Amino acid sequence: MKKVLVVMLFLGMFAFAHTGETQAASSLCSKYIGQSKIWWDGAELKSGQIGRLTVVKNTSLFKL
């Protein structure tokens, strides 16, 4: 019974929470169509880049 409830919950979440990825992406990026480069405070935004980071003190790297 518990497995059936979990499956029903998962299917319900998927059915009601699913939005079209292409529709969401096109509405957010439509103002940048036709531009060859996007500049952000003097730095070019590269394809796949989602933000920028400024390191203010020494940090150690963590690897799994």
Protein backbone atom coordinates (compact mmCIF):
# COMPACT_ATOMS: atom_id res chain seq x y z
CA MET A 1 0.00 0.00 0.00
CA LYS A 2 2.86 2.35 0.84
CA LYS A 3 4.52 1.76 -2.55
CA VAL A 4 1.28 2.45 -4.39
CA LEU A 5 0.85 5.71 -2.48
CA VAL A 6 4.42 6.80 -3.30
CA VAL A 7 3.93 5.99 -7.00
CA MET A 8 0.61 7.86 -7.11
CA LEU A 9 2.19 10.87 -5.39
CA PHE A 10 5.10 10.88 -7.81
CA LEU A 11 2.83 10.66 -10.86
CA GLY A 12 0.61 13.42 -9.49
CA MET A 13 3.59 15.71 -8.91
CA PHE A 14 4.91 15.01 -12.40
CA ALA A 15 1.54 15.59 -14.06
CA PHE A 16 0.75 18.89 -12.34
CA ALA A 17 4.19 20.40 -11.88
CA HIS A 18 5.55 19.75 -15.38
CA THR A 19 6.08 22.89 -17.45
CA GLY A 20 7.31 22.97 -21.01
CA GLU A 21 11.05 23.57 -20.92
CA THR A 22 11.16 25.11 -24.35
CA GLN A 23 8.31 27.46 -23.55
CA ALA A 24 9.95 28.62 -20.30
CA ALA A 25 13.35 29.01 -21.94
CA SER A 26 12.03 30.90 -24.93
CA SER A 27 10.06 33.37 -22.81
CA LEU A 28 13.06 34.15 -20.58
CA CYS A 29 15.62 34.46 -23.36
CA SER A 30 13.52 36.08 -26.07
CA LYS A 31 14.98 39.53 -25.42
CA TYR A 32 18.50 38.24 -26.22
CA ILE A 33 17.72 36.69 -29.62
CA GLY A 34 19.88 38.20 -32.32
CA GLN A 35 22.64 39.37 -29.99
CA SER A 36 25.98 37.75 -30.66
CA LYS A 37 27.53 38.50 -27.26
CA ILE A 38 26.23 39.39 -23.82
CA TRP A 39 28.50 41.56 -21.66
CA TRP A 40 28.32 41.68 -17.86
CA ASP A 41 30.38 44.47 -16.22
CA GLY A 42 33.06 44.24 -18.89
CA ALA A 43 33.21 40.42 -19.03
CA GLU A 44 31.63 38.35 -21.78
CA LEU A 45 29.00 35.84 -20.70
CA LYS A 46 29.96 32.48 -22.22
CA SER A 47 27.57 29.76 -23.33
CA GLY A 48 26.62 27.57 -20.37
CA GLN A 49 27.71 30.14 -17.79
CA ILE A 50 25.01 30.87 -15.21
CA GLY A 51 26.73 33.38 -12.98
CA ARG A 52 29.91 34.88 -11.66
CA LEU A 53 31.88 34.37 -8.47
CA THR A 54 34.25 36.67 -6.62
CA VAL A 55 36.61 34.96 -4.14
CA VAL A 56 37.34 37.29 -1.23
CA LYS A 57 39.67 35.01 0.79
CA ASN A 58 41.65 31.81 0.35
CA THR A 59 39.46 28.73 0.17
CA SER A 60 40.38 25.05 0.04
CA LEU A 61 38.99 22.83 -2.69
CA PHE A 62 36.84 19.83 -1.79
CA LYS A 63 36.81 16.68 -3.87
CA LEU A 64 34.66 13.63 -3.29
